[in-house]
Amino acid sequence: MSESDQSDIATSGPSDTGDVPADAPENAPRAAEQQAAAHEPSGDTLGSPTAEPGVERDPEEWVTGDQPATEPQKSYLDSLARQAGEEISADLTKAEASQHIERLQGDLGVEGS
């Protein structure tokens, strides 16, 4: 290999081609800016600054109410049903599970979450 070939190899690299690895130190400030931008507050809020009683929707009106009950629903319903001495089918929809949970909470004097 000639001296000029060795010189070309020694001076060539990512910075000569414009290809800088994402984890290169010179990319750290840019990556930090991108990450900060991704976590900036949107200004959106959930809930309300004032209480709004009666905003609960009937489970039968839920868009996903006819989907199978979730595992957390089934687990909580199982616990409530055992306390009440009831057996309830495990083949429930989300809406049906919610209705049973509310009924059993009332029967048992348990406050809902």
PDB file of N, CA and C in Angstrom:
ATOM      1  N   MET A   1       0.848  -1.156   0.000  1.00  0.00           N
ATOM      2  CA  MET A   1       0.000   0.000   0.000  1.00  0.00           C
ATOM      3  C   MET A   1       0.899   1.224   0.000  1.00  0.00           C
ATOM      4  N   SER A   2       0.609   2.194  -0.819  1.00  0.00           N
ATOM      5  CA  SER A   2       1.427   3.397  -0.908  1.00  0.00           C
ATOM      6  C   SER A   2       1.096   4.335   0.239  1.00  0.00           C
ATOM      7  N   GLU A   3       1.974   5.367   0.436  1.00  0.00           N
ATOM      8  CA  GLU A   3       1.729   6.333   1.491  1.00  0.00           C
ATOM      9  C   GLU A   3       0.426   7.088   1.255  1.00  0.00           C
ATOM     10  N   SER A   4       0.112   7.397   0.003  1.00  0.00           N
ATOM     11  CA  SER A   4      -1.109   8.141  -0.277  1.00  0.00           C
ATOM     12  C   SER A   4      -2.330   7.285   0.034  1.00  0.00           C
ATOM     13  N   ASP A   5      -2.247   5.969  -0.233  1.00  0.00           N
ATOM     14  CA  ASP A   5      -3.360   5.076   0.111  1.00  0.00           C
ATOM     15  C   ASP A   5      -3.566   5.052   1.623  1.00  0.00           C
ATOM     16  N   GLN A   6      -2.451   4.955   2.375  1.00  0.00           N
ATOM     17  CA  GLN A   6      -2.556   4.926   3.832  1.00  0.00           C
ATOM     18  C   GLN A   6      -3.103   6.251   4.355  1.00  0.00           C
ATOM     19  N   SER A   7      -2.700   7.340   3.754  1.00  0.00           N
ATOM     20  CA  SER A   7      -3.179   8.649   4.160  1.00  0.00           C
ATOM     21  C   SER A   7      -4.678   8.769   3.926  1.00  0.00           C
ATOM     22  N   ASP A   8      -5.153   8.257   2.765  1.00  0.00           N
ATOM     23  CA  ASP A   8      -6.582   8.291   2.471  1.00  0.00           C
ATOM     24  C   ASP A   8      -7.369   7.492   3.497  1.00  0.00           C
ATOM     25  N   ILE A   9      -6.848   6.320   3.892  1.00  0.00           N
ATOM     26  CA  ILE A   9      -7.527   5.469   4.862  1.00  0.00           C
ATOM     27  C   ILE A   9      -7.555   6.159   6.216  1.00  0.00           C
ATOM     28  N   ALA A  10      -6.456   6.774   6.616  1.00  0.00           N
ATOM     29  CA  ALA A  10      -6.365   7.403   7.925  1.00  0.00           C
ATOM     30  C   ALA A  10      -7.278   8.614   8.034  1.00  0.00           C
ATOM     31  N   THR A  11      -7.491   9.325   6.958  1.00  0.00           N
ATOM     32  CA  THR A  11      -8.303  10.537   7.030  1.00  0.00           C
ATOM     33  C   THR A  11      -9.749  10.287   6.661  1.00  0.00           C
ATOM     34  N   SER A  12     -10.049   9.130   6.084  1.00  0.00           N
ATOM     35  CA  SER A  12     -11.444   8.881   5.741  1.00  0.00           C
ATOM     36  C   SER A  12     -12.155   8.339   6.961  1.00  0.00           C
ATOM     37  N   GLY A  13     -13.427   8.514   7.012  1.00  0.00           N
ATOM     38  CA  GLY A  13     -14.204   8.028   8.147  1.00  0.00           C
ATOM     39  C   GLY A  13     -15.582   8.609   8.079  1.00  0.00           C
ATOM     40  N   PRO A  14     -16.341   8.375   9.092  1.00  0.00           N
ATOM     41  CA  PRO A  14     -17.732   8.824   9.090  1.00  0.00           C
ATOM     42  C   PRO A  14     -17.884  10.314   8.845  1.00  0.00           C
ATOM     43  N   SER A  15     -16.978  11.149   9.406  1.00  0.00           N
ATOM     44  CA  SER A  15     -17.156  12.588   9.251  1.00  0.00           C
ATOM     45  C   SER A  15     -16.887  13.041   7.823  1.00  0.00           C
ATOM     46  N   ASP A  16     -16.083  12.272   7.069  1.00  0.00           N
ATOM     47  CA  ASP A  16     -15.820  12.639   5.680  1.00  0.00           C
ATOM     48  C   ASP A  16     -17.033  12.382   4.803  1.00  0.00           C
ATOM     49  N   THR A  17     -17.833  11.389   5.145  1.00  0.00           N
ATOM     50  CA  THR A  17     -18.969  11.027   4.301  1.00  0.00           C
ATOM     51  C   THR A  17     -20.262  11.643   4.777  1.00  0.00           C
ATOM     52  N   GLY A  18     -20.221  12.268   5.956  1.00  0.00           N
ATOM     53  CA  GLY A  18     -21.454  12.831   6.490  1.00  0.00           C
ATOM     54  C   GLY A  18     -22.240  11.824   7.305  1.00  0.00           C
ATOM     55  N   ASP A  19     -21.808  10.581   7.342  1.00  0.00           N
ATOM     56  CA  ASP A  19     -22.487   9.549   8.110  1.00  0.00           C
ATOM     57  C   ASP A  19     -21.881   9.489   9.497  1.00  0.00           C
ATOM     58  N   VAL A  20     -22.592  10.025  10.474  1.00  0.00           N
ATOM     59  CA  VAL A  20     -22.114  10.009  11.852  1.00  0.00           C
ATOM     60  C   VAL A  20     -23.018   9.060  12.621  1.00  0.00           C
ATOM     61  N   PRO A  21     -22.415   8.091  13.301  1.00  0.00           N
ATOM     62  CA  PRO A  21     -23.249   7.157  14.065  1.00  0.00           C
ATOM     63  C   PRO A  21     -24.129   7.900  15.056  1.00  0.00           C
ATOM     64  N   ALA A  22     -25.331   7.371  15.290  1.00  0.00           N
ATOM     65  CA  ALA A  22     -26.290   8.022  16.179  1.00  0.00           C
ATOM     66  C   ALA A  22     -25.759   8.160  17.598  1.00  0.00           C
ATOM     67  N   ASP A  23     -24.885   7.231  18.002  1.00  0.00           N
ATOM     68  CA  ASP A  23     -24.365   7.292  19.367  1.00  0.00           C
ATOM     69  C   ASP A  23     -23.051   8.055  19.466  1.00  0.00           C
ATOM     70  N   ALA A  24     -22.638   8.721  18.393  1.00  0.00           N
ATOM     71  CA  ALA A  24     -21.400   9.498  18.410  1.00  0.00           C
ATOM     72  C   ALA A  24     -21.558  10.672  19.362  1.00  0.00           C
ATOM     73  N   PRO A  25     -20.491  11.061  20.062  1.00  0.00           N
ATOM     74  CA  PRO A  25     -20.587  12.164  21.024  1.00  0.00           C
ATOM     75  C   PRO A  25     -21.133  13.452  20.426  1.00  0.00           C
ATOM     76  N   GLU A  26     -20.802  13.725  19.170  1.00  0.00           N
ATOM     77  CA  GLU A  26     -21.294  14.967  18.565  1.00  0.00           C
ATOM     78  C   GLU A  26     -22.805  14.948  18.336  1.00  0.00           C
ATOM     79  N   ASN A  27     -23.434  13.770  18.410  1.00  0.00           N
ATOM     80  CA  ASN A  27     -24.886  13.672  18.260  1.00  0.00           C
ATOM     81  C   ASN A  27     -25.615  13.769  19.586  1.00  0.00           C
ATOM     82  N   ALA A  28     -24.904  13.743  20.699  1.00  0.00           N
ATOM     83  CA  ALA A  28     -25.535  13.758  22.021  1.00  0.00           C
ATOM     84  C   ALA A  28     -26.423  14.976  22.227  1.00  0.00           C
ATOM     85  N   PRO A  29     -25.974  16.193  21.891  1.00  0.00           N
ATOM     86  CA  PRO A  29     -26.866  17.346  22.098  1.00  0.00           C
ATOM     87  C   PRO A  29     -28.140  17.248  21.263  1.00  0.00           C
ATOM     88  N   ARG A  30     -28.019  16.810  20.028  1.00  0.00           N
ATOM     89  CA  ARG A  30     -29.202  16.690  19.170  1.00  0.00           C
ATOM     90  C   ARG A  30     -30.158  15.638  19.715  1.00  0.00           C
ATOM     91  N   ALA A  31     -29.636  14.500  20.160  1.00  0.00           N
ATOM     92  CA  ALA A  31     -30.476  13.440  20.715  1.00  0.00           C
ATOM     93  C   ALA A  31     -31.172  13.921  21.977  1.00  0.00           C
ATOM     94  N   ALA A  32     -30.455  14.689  22.815  1.00  0.00           N
ATOM     95  CA  ALA A  32     -31.049  15.211  24.048  1.00  0.00           C
ATOM     96  C   ALA A  32     -32.172  16.188  23.722  1.00  0.00           C
ATOM     97  N   GLU A  33     -31.978  17.035  22.697  1.00  0.00           N
ATOM     98  CA  GLU A  33     -33.020  17.982  22.287  1.00  0.00           C
ATOM     99  C   GLU A  33     -34.252  17.241  21.787  1.00  0.00           C
ATOM    100  N   GLN A  34     -34.044  16.186  20.984  1.00  0.00           N
ATOM    101  CA  GLN A  34     -35.165  15.418  20.459  1.00  0.00           C
ATOM    102  C   GLN A  34     -35.926  14.746  21.588  1.00  0.00           C
ATOM    103  N   GLN A  35     -35.201  14.199  22.566  1.00  0.00           N
ATOM    104  CA  GLN A  35     -35.853  13.530  23.683  1.00  0.00           C
ATOM    105  C   GLN A  35     -36.633  14.538  24.519  1.00  0.00           C
ATOM    106  N   ALA A  36     -36.063  15.704  24.750  1.00  0.00           N
ATOM    107  CA  ALA A  36     -36.750  16.736  25.524  1.00  0.00           C
ATOM    108  C   ALA A  36     -38.014  17.185  24.801  1.00  0.00           C
ATOM    109  N   ALA A  37     -37.938  17.334  23.493  1.00  0.00           N
ATOM    110  CA  ALA A  37     -39.104  17.753  22.714  1.00  0.00           C
ATOM    111  C   ALA A  37     -40.204  16.710  22.784  1.00  0.00           C
ATOM    112  N   ALA A  38     -39.835  15.445  22.836  1.00  0.00           N
ATOM    113  CA  ALA A  38     -40.822  14.371  22.887  1.00  0.00           C
ATOM    114  C   ALA A  38     -41.539  14.353  24.229  1.00  0.00           C
ATOM    115  N   HIS A  39     -40.935  14.919  25.281  1.00  0.00           N
ATOM    116  CA  HIS A  39     -41.529  14.891  26.613  1.00  0.00           C
ATOM    117  C   HIS A  39     -42.039  16.248  27.070  1.00  0.00           C
ATOM    118  N   GLU A  40     -42.150  17.204  26.155  1.00  0.00           N
ATOM    119  CA  GLU A  40     -42.676  18.503  26.527  1.00  0.00           C
ATOM    120  C   GLU A  40     -44.160  18.370  26.818  1.00  0.00           C
ATOM    121  N   PRO A  41     -44.647  19.079  27.822  1.00  0.00           N
ATOM    122  CA  PRO A  41     -46.080  19.008  28.138  1.00  0.00           C
ATOM    123  C   PRO A  41     -46.912  19.490  26.960  1.00  0.00           C
ATOM    124  N   SER A  42     -48.015  18.809  26.723  1.00  0.00           N
ATOM    125  CA  SER A  42     -48.882  19.166  25.602  1.00  0.00           C
ATOM    126  C   SER A  42     -49.900  20.228  25.979  1.00  0.00           C
ATOM    127  N   GLY A  43     -50.110  20.402  27.274  1.00  0.00           N
ATOM    128  CA  GLY A  43     -51.130  21.342  27.707  1.00  0.00           C
ATOM    129  C   GLY A  43     -52.492  20.681  27.870  1.00  0.00           C
ATOM    130  N   ASP A  44     -52.649  19.446  27.387  1.00  0.00           N
ATOM    131  CA  ASP A  44     -53.902  18.717  27.536  1.00  0.00           C
ATOM    132  C   ASP A  44     -54.073  18.305  28.992  1.00  0.00           C
ATOM    133  N   THR A  45     -55.312  18.186  29.424  1.00  0.00           N
ATOM    134  CA  THR A  45     -55.583  17.734  30.783  1.00  0.00           C
ATOM    135  C   THR A  45     -56.638  16.644  30.771  1.00  0.00           C
ATOM    136  N   LEU A  46     -56.689  15.910  31.848  1.00  0.00           N
ATOM    137  CA  LEU A  46     -57.719  14.906  32.066  1.00  0.00           C
ATOM    138  C   LEU A  46     -58.527  15.349  33.275  1.00  0.00           C
ATOM    139  N   GLY A  47     -59.764  14.984  33.324  1.00  0.00           N
ATOM    140  CA  GLY A  47     -60.578  15.347  34.473  1.00  0.00           C
ATOM    141  C   GLY A  47     -61.128  16.753  34.342  1.00  0.00           C
ATOM    142  N   SER A  48     -61.446  17.349  35.497  1.00  0.00           N
ATOM    143  CA  SER A  48     -62.062  18.667  35.518  1.00  0.00           C
ATOM    144  C   SER A  48     -61.674  19.367  36.807  1.00  0.00           C
ATOM    145  N   PRO A  49     -61.474  20.697  36.769  1.00  0.00           N
ATOM    146  CA  PRO A  49     -61.129  21.411  37.993  1.00  0.00           C
ATOM    147  C   PRO A  49     -62.299  21.481  38.977  1.00  0.00           C
ATOM    148  N   THR A  50     -63.510  21.207  38.487  1.00  0.00           N
ATOM    149  CA  THR A  50     -64.679  21.180  39.364  1.00  0.00           C
ATOM    150  C   THR A  50     -65.329  19.809  39.275  1.00  0.00           C
ATOM    151  N   ALA A  51     -65.935  19.395  40.370  1.00  0.00           N
ATOM    152  CA  ALA A  51     -66.606  18.085  40.396  1.00  0.00           C
ATOM    153  C   ALA A  51     -67.769  18.076  39.415  1.00  0.00           C
ATOM    154  N   GLU A  52     -67.910  16.973  38.710  1.00  0.00           N
ATOM    155  CA  GLU A  52     -69.005  16.810  37.762  1.00  0.00           C
ATOM    156  C   GLU A  52     -69.747  15.524  38.079  1.00  0.00           C
ATOM    157  N   PRO A  53     -70.665  15.559  39.040  1.00  0.00           N
ATOM    158  CA  PRO A  53     -71.385  14.343  39.382  1.00  0.00           C
ATOM    159  C   PRO A  53     -72.252  13.870  38.230  1.00  0.00           C
ATOM    160  N   GLY A  54     -72.376  12.576  38.129  1.00  0.00           N
ATOM    161  CA  GLY A  54     -73.244  12.002  37.109  1.00  0.00           C
ATOM    162  C   GLY A  54     -72.631  11.898  35.733  1.00  0.00           C
ATOM    163  N   VAL A  55     -71.299  12.002  35.607  1.00  0.00           N
ATOM    164  CA  VAL A  55     -70.695  11.914  34.290  1.00  0.00           C
ATOM    165  C   VAL A  55     -70.428  10.469  33.882  1.00  0.00           C
ATOM    166  N   GLU A  56     -70.727   9.515  34.765  1.00  0.00           N
ATOM    167  CA  GLU A  56     -70.516   8.112  34.409  1.00  0.00           C
ATOM    168  C   GLU A  56     -71.534   7.698  33.358  1.00  0.00           C
ATOM    169  N   ARG A  57     -71.051   6.926  32.401  1.00  0.00           N
ATOM    170  CA  ARG A  57     -71.943   6.418  31.359  1.00  0.00           C
ATOM    171  C   ARG A  57     -72.395   5.020  31.728  1.00  0.00           C
ATOM    172  N   ASP A  58     -73.573   4.683  31.299  1.00  0.00           N
ATOM    173  CA  ASP A  58     -74.110   3.343  31.499  1.00  0.00           C
ATOM    174  C   ASP A  58     -73.203   2.352  30.780  1.00  0.00           C
ATOM    175  N   PRO A  59     -72.775   1.283  31.458  1.00  0.00           N
ATOM    176  CA  PRO A  59     -71.900   0.301  30.804  1.00  0.00           C
ATOM    177  C   PRO A  59     -72.453  -0.235  29.483  1.00  0.00           C
ATOM    178  N   GLU A  60     -73.765  -0.279  29.351  1.00  0.00           N
ATOM    179  CA  GLU A  60     -74.339  -0.769  28.095  1.00  0.00           C
ATOM    180  C   GLU A  60     -74.072   0.189  26.934  1.00  0.00           C
ATOM    181  N   GLU A  61     -73.718   1.439  27.238  1.00  0.00           N
ATOM    182  CA  GLU A  61     -73.416   2.418  26.198  1.00  0.00           C
ATOM    183  C   GLU A  61     -71.937   2.454  25.836  1.00  0.00           C
ATOM    184  N   TRP A  62     -71.119   1.687  26.546  1.00  0.00           N
ATOM    185  CA  TRP A  62     -69.688   1.671  26.259  1.00  0.00           C
ATOM    186  C   TRP A  62     -69.438   1.143  24.858  1.00  0.00           C
ATOM    187  N   VAL A  63     -68.494   1.730  24.184  1.00  0.00           N
ATOM    188  CA  VAL A  63     -68.119   1.270  22.847  1.00  0.00           C
ATOM    189  C   VAL A  63     -67.541  -0.138  22.924  1.00  0.00           C
ATOM    190  N   THR A  64     -66.779  -0.418  23.988  1.00  0.00           N
ATOM    191  CA  THR A  64     -66.141  -1.731  24.142  1.00  0.00           C
ATOM    192  C   THR A  64     -66.895  -2.628  25.110  1.00  0.00           C
ATOM    193  N   GLY A  65     -68.115  -2.248  25.482  1.00  0.00           N
ATOM    194  CA  GLY A  65     -68.879  -2.999  26.476  1.00  0.00           C
ATOM    195  C   GLY A  65     -69.181  -4.432  26.098  1.00  0.00           C
ATOM    196  N   ASP A  66     -69.209  -4.715  24.792  1.00  0.00           N
ATOM    197  CA  ASP A  66     -69.517  -6.087  24.373  1.00  0.00           C
ATOM    198  C   ASP A  66     -68.271  -6.949  24.221  1.00  0.00           C
ATOM    199  N   GLN A  67     -67.108  -6.396  24.516  1.00  0.00           N
ATOM    200  CA  GLN A  67     -65.875  -7.193  24.480  1.00  0.00           C
ATOM    201  C   GLN A  67     -65.788  -8.027  25.752  1.00  0.00           C
ATOM    202  N   PRO A  68     -65.018  -9.112  25.710  1.00  0.00           N
ATOM    203  CA  PRO A  68     -64.886  -9.951  26.910  1.00  0.00           C
ATOM    204  C   PRO A  68     -64.339  -9.149  28.091  1.00  0.00           C
ATOM    205  N   ALA A  69     -64.795  -9.510  29.284  1.00  0.00           N
ATOM    206  CA  ALA A  69     -64.318  -8.852  30.501  1.00  0.00           C
ATOM    207  C   ALA A  69     -62.804  -8.983  30.591  1.00  0.00           C
ATOM    208  N   THR A  70     -62.171  -7.970  31.164  1.00  0.00           N
ATOM    209  CA  THR A  70     -60.722  -7.991  31.322  1.00  0.00           C
ATOM    210  C   THR A  70     -60.346  -8.904  32.488  1.00  0.00           C
ATOM    211  N   GLU A  71     -59.096  -9.316  32.529  1.00  0.00           N
ATOM    212  CA  GLU A  71     -58.642 -10.163  33.634  1.00  0.00           C
ATOM    213  C   GLU A  71     -58.744  -9.438  34.972  1.00  0.00           C
ATOM    214  N   PRO A  72     -58.383  -8.137  35.051  1.00  0.00           N
ATOM    215  CA  PRO A  72     -58.578  -7.443  36.326  1.00  0.00           C
ATOM    216  C   PRO A  72     -60.045  -7.399  36.760  1.00  0.00           C
ATOM    217  N   GLN A  73     -60.963  -7.215  35.813  1.00  0.00           N
ATOM    218  CA  GLN A  73     -62.392  -7.235  36.149  1.00  0.00           C
ATOM    219  C   GLN A  73     -62.781  -8.597  36.705  1.00  0.00           C
ATOM    220  N   LYS A  74     -62.354  -9.646  36.017  1.00  0.00           N
ATOM    221  CA  LYS A  74     -62.702 -11.004  36.456  1.00  0.00           C
ATOM    222  C   LYS A  74     -62.137 -11.297  37.840  1.00  0.00           C
ATOM    223  N   SER A  75     -60.906 -10.876  38.068  1.00  0.00           N
ATOM    224  CA  SER A  75     -60.267 -11.116  39.359  1.00  0.00           C
ATOM    225  C   SER A  75     -61.017 -10.403  40.476  1.00  0.00           C
ATOM    226  N   TYR A  76     -61.349  -9.132  40.267  1.00  0.00           N
ATOM    227  CA  TYR A  76     -62.054  -8.366  41.284  1.00  0.00           C
ATOM    228  C   TYR A  76     -63.464  -8.913  41.488  1.00  0.00           C
ATOM    229  N   LEU A  77     -64.120  -9.262  40.405  1.00  0.00           N
ATOM    230  CA  LEU A  77     -65.466  -9.824  40.484  1.00  0.00           C
ATOM    231  C   LEU A  77     -65.444 -11.153  41.233  1.00  0.00           C
ATOM    232  N   ASP A  78     -64.423 -11.960  40.981  1.00  0.00           N
ATOM    233  CA  ASP A  78     -64.271 -13.234  41.689  1.00  0.00           C
ATOM    234  C   ASP A  78     -64.156 -12.985  43.195  1.00  0.00           C
ATOM    235  N   SER A  79     -63.349 -12.001  43.564  1.00  0.00           N
ATOM    236  CA  SER A  79     -63.167 -11.671  44.979  1.00  0.00           C
ATOM    237  C   SER A  79     -64.484 -11.209  45.608  1.00  0.00           C
ATOM    238  N   LEU A  80     -65.189 -10.313  44.929  1.00  0.00           N
ATOM    239  CA  LEU A  80     -66.468  -9.825  45.449  1.00  0.00           C
ATOM    240  C   LEU A  80     -67.508 -10.940  45.536  1.00  0.00           C
ATOM    241  N   ALA A  81     -67.578 -11.778  44.505  1.00  0.00           N
ATOM    242  CA  ALA A  81     -68.557 -12.865  44.486  1.00  0.00           C
ATOM    243  C   ALA A  81     -68.291 -13.853  45.618  1.00  0.00           C
ATOM    244  N   ARG A  82     -67.020 -14.137  45.890  1.00  0.00           N
ATOM    245  CA  ARG A  82     -66.679 -15.036  47.003  1.00  0.00           C
ATOM    246  C   ARG A  82     -67.128 -14.436  48.332  1.00  0.00           C
ATOM    247  N   GLN A  83     -66.896 -13.122  48.496  1.00  0.00           N
ATOM    248  CA  GLN A  83     -67.315 -12.462  49.733  1.00  0.00           C
ATOM    249  C   GLN A  83     -68.829 -12.496  49.898  1.00  0.00           C
ATOM    250  N   ALA A  84     -69.549 -12.421  48.774  1.00  0.00           N
ATOM    251  CA  ALA A  84     -71.010 -12.407  48.812  1.00  0.00           C
ATOM    252  C   ALA A  84     -71.606 -13.807  48.785  1.00  0.00           C
ATOM    253  N   GLY A  85     -70.757 -14.820  48.574  1.00  0.00           N
ATOM    254  CA  GLY A  85     -71.253 -16.186  48.495  1.00  0.00           C
ATOM    255  C   GLY A  85     -72.042 -16.444  47.221  1.00  0.00           C
ATOM    256  N   GLU A  86     -71.638 -15.797  46.131  1.00  0.00           N
ATOM    257  CA  GLU A  86     -72.319 -15.954  44.843  1.00  0.00           C
ATOM    258  C   GLU A  86     -71.403 -16.609  43.820  1.00  0.00           C
ATOM    259  N   GLU A  87     -72.022 -17.278  42.878  1.00  0.00           N
ATOM    260  CA  GLU A  87     -71.295 -17.790  41.718  1.00  0.00           C
ATOM    261  C   GLU A  87     -71.804 -17.050  40.498  1.00  0.00           C
ATOM    262  N   ILE A  88     -70.870 -16.561  39.703  1.00  0.00           N
ATOM    263  CA  ILE A  88     -71.205 -15.805  38.496  1.00  0.00           C
ATOM    264  C   ILE A  88     -70.431 -16.417  37.339  1.00  0.00           C
ATOM    265  N   SER A  89     -71.069 -16.548  36.208  1.00  0.00           N
ATOM    266  CA  SER A  89     -70.404 -17.076  35.017  1.00  0.00           C
ATOM    267  C   SER A  89     -69.166 -16.250  34.687  1.00  0.00           C
ATOM    268  N   ALA A  90     -68.113 -16.924  34.293  1.00  0.00           N
ATOM    269  CA  ALA A  90     -66.887 -16.234  33.904  1.00  0.00           C
ATOM    270  C   ALA A  90     -66.965 -15.722  32.469  1.00  0.00           C
ATOM    271  N   ASP A  91     -67.975 -16.121  31.734  1.00  0.00           N
ATOM    272  CA  ASP A  91     -68.155 -15.683  30.346  1.00  0.00           C
ATOM    273  C   ASP A  91     -68.965 -14.397  30.323  1.00  0.00           C
ATOM    274  N   LEU A  92     -68.295 -13.308  30.674  1.00  0.00           N
ATOM    275  CA  LEU A  92     -68.951 -12.013  30.773  1.00  0.00           C
ATOM    276  C   LEU A  92     -68.351 -11.013  29.804  1.00  0.00           C
ATOM    277  N   THR A  93     -69.159 -10.022  29.453  1.00  0.00           N
ATOM    278  CA  THR A  93     -68.631  -8.888  28.702  1.00  0.00           C
ATOM    279  C   THR A  93     -68.116  -7.868  29.707  1.00  0.00           C
ATOM    280  N   LYS A  94     -67.399  -6.868  29.209  1.00  0.00           N
ATOM    281  CA  LYS A  94     -66.922  -5.794  30.080  1.00  0.00           C
ATOM    282  C   LYS A  94     -68.095  -5.113  30.775  1.00  0.00           C
ATOM    283  N   ALA A  95     -69.156  -4.849  30.028  1.00  0.00           N
ATOM    284  CA  ALA A  95     -70.318  -4.161  30.597  1.00  0.00           C
ATOM    285  C   ALA A  95     -70.983  -5.021  31.669  1.00  0.00           C
ATOM    286  N   GLU A  96     -71.159  -6.303  31.391  1.00  0.00           N
ATOM    287  CA  GLU A  96     -71.786  -7.187  32.375  1.00  0.00           C
ATOM    288  C   GLU A  96     -70.938  -7.290  33.641  1.00  0.00           C
ATOM    289  N   ALA A  97     -69.637  -7.420  33.472  1.00  0.00           N
ATOM    290  CA  ALA A  97     -68.740  -7.509  34.633  1.00  0.00           C
ATOM    291  C   ALA A  97     -68.845  -6.237  35.461  1.00  0.00           C
ATOM    292  N   SER A  98     -68.878  -5.086  34.814  1.00  0.00           N
ATOM    293  CA  SER A  98     -68.976  -3.817  35.520  1.00  0.00           C
ATOM    294  C   SER A  98     -70.285  -3.735  36.302  1.00  0.00           C
ATOM    295  N   GLN A  99     -71.359  -4.170  35.694  1.00  0.00           N
ATOM    296  CA  GLN A  99     -72.657  -4.134  36.375  1.00  0.00           C
ATOM    297  C   GLN A  99     -72.659  -5.055  37.603  1.00  0.00           C
ATOM    298  N   HIS A 100     -72.097  -6.248  37.471  1.00  0.00           N
ATOM    299  CA  HIS A 100     -72.014  -7.164  38.611  1.00  0.00           C
ATOM    300  C   HIS A 100     -71.134  -6.567  39.708  1.00  0.00           C
ATOM    301  N   ILE A 101     -70.021  -5.970  39.317  1.00  0.00           N
ATOM    302  CA  ILE A 101     -69.115  -5.355  40.300  1.00  0.00           C
ATOM    303  C   ILE A 101     -69.837  -4.267  41.074  1.00  0.00           C
ATOM    304  N   GLU A 102     -70.530  -3.393  40.372  1.00  0.00           N
ATOM    305  CA  GLU A 102     -71.249  -2.309  41.045  1.00  0.00           C
ATOM    306  C   GLU A 102     -72.324  -2.860  41.977  1.00  0.00           C
ATOM    307  N   ARG A 103     -73.047  -3.876  41.522  1.00  0.00           N
ATOM    308  CA  ARG A 103     -74.105  -4.466  42.343  1.00  0.00           C
ATOM    309  C   ARG A 103     -73.516  -5.089  43.601  1.00  0.00           C
ATOM    310  N   LEU A 104     -72.446  -5.877  43.440  1.00  0.00           N
ATOM    311  CA  LEU A 104     -71.842  -6.544  44.590  1.00  0.00           C
ATOM    312  C   LEU A 104     -71.192  -5.539  45.546  1.00  0.00           C
ATOM    313  N   GLN A 105     -70.598  -4.497  45.010  1.00  0.00           N
ATOM    314  CA  GLN A 105     -70.033  -3.460  45.881  1.00  0.00           C
ATOM    315  C   GLN A 105     -71.133  -2.850  46.752  1.00  0.00           C
ATOM    316  N   GLY A 106     -72.296  -2.606  46.142  1.00  0.00           N
ATOM    317  CA  GLY A 106     -73.417  -2.074  46.898  1.00  0.00           C
ATOM    318  C   GLY A 106     -73.914  -3.058  47.931  1.00  0.00           C
ATOM    319  N   ASP A 107     -74.060  -4.316  47.535  1.00  0.00           N
ATOM    320  CA  ASP A 107     -74.520  -5.359  48.464  1.00  0.00           C
ATOM    321  C   ASP A 107     -73.583  -5.526  49.644  1.00  0.00           C
ATOM    322  N   LEU A 108     -72.278  -5.439  49.374  1.00  0.00           N
ATOM    323  CA  LEU A 108     -71.273  -5.670  50.408  1.00  0.00           C
ATOM    324  C   LEU A 108     -70.866  -4.394  51.142  1.00  0.00           C
ATOM    325  N   GLY A 109     -71.353  -3.251  50.678  1.00  0.00           N
ATOM    326  CA  GLY A 109     -70.969  -1.983  51.297  1.00  0.00           C
ATOM    327  C   GLY A 109     -69.526  -1.614  51.004  1.00  0.00           C
ATOM    328  N   VAL A 110     -69.031  -2.045  49.833  1.00  0.00           N
ATOM    329  CA  VAL A 110     -67.661  -1.754  49.423  1.00  0.00           C
ATOM    330  C   VAL A 110     -67.697  -0.549  48.502  1.00  0.00           C
ATOM    331  N   GLU A 111     -66.824   0.417  48.767  1.00  0.00           N
ATOM    332  CA  GLU A 111     -66.758   1.598  47.886  1.00  0.00           C
ATOM    333  C   GLU A 111     -66.029   1.258  46.606  1.00  0.00           C
ATOM    334  N   GLY A 112     -66.539   1.760  45.486  1.00  0.00           N
ATOM    335  CA  GLY A 112     -65.885   1.566  44.190  1.00  0.00           C
ATOM    336  C   GLY A 112     -64.656   2.431  44.078  1.00  0.00           C
ATOM    337  N   SER A 113     -63.788   2.066  43.130  1.00  0.00           N
ATOM    338  CA  SER A 113     -62.560   2.855  42.954  1.00  0.00           C
ATOM    339  C   SER A 113     -62.744   3.920  41.916  1.00  0.00           C
TER     340      SER A 113
END
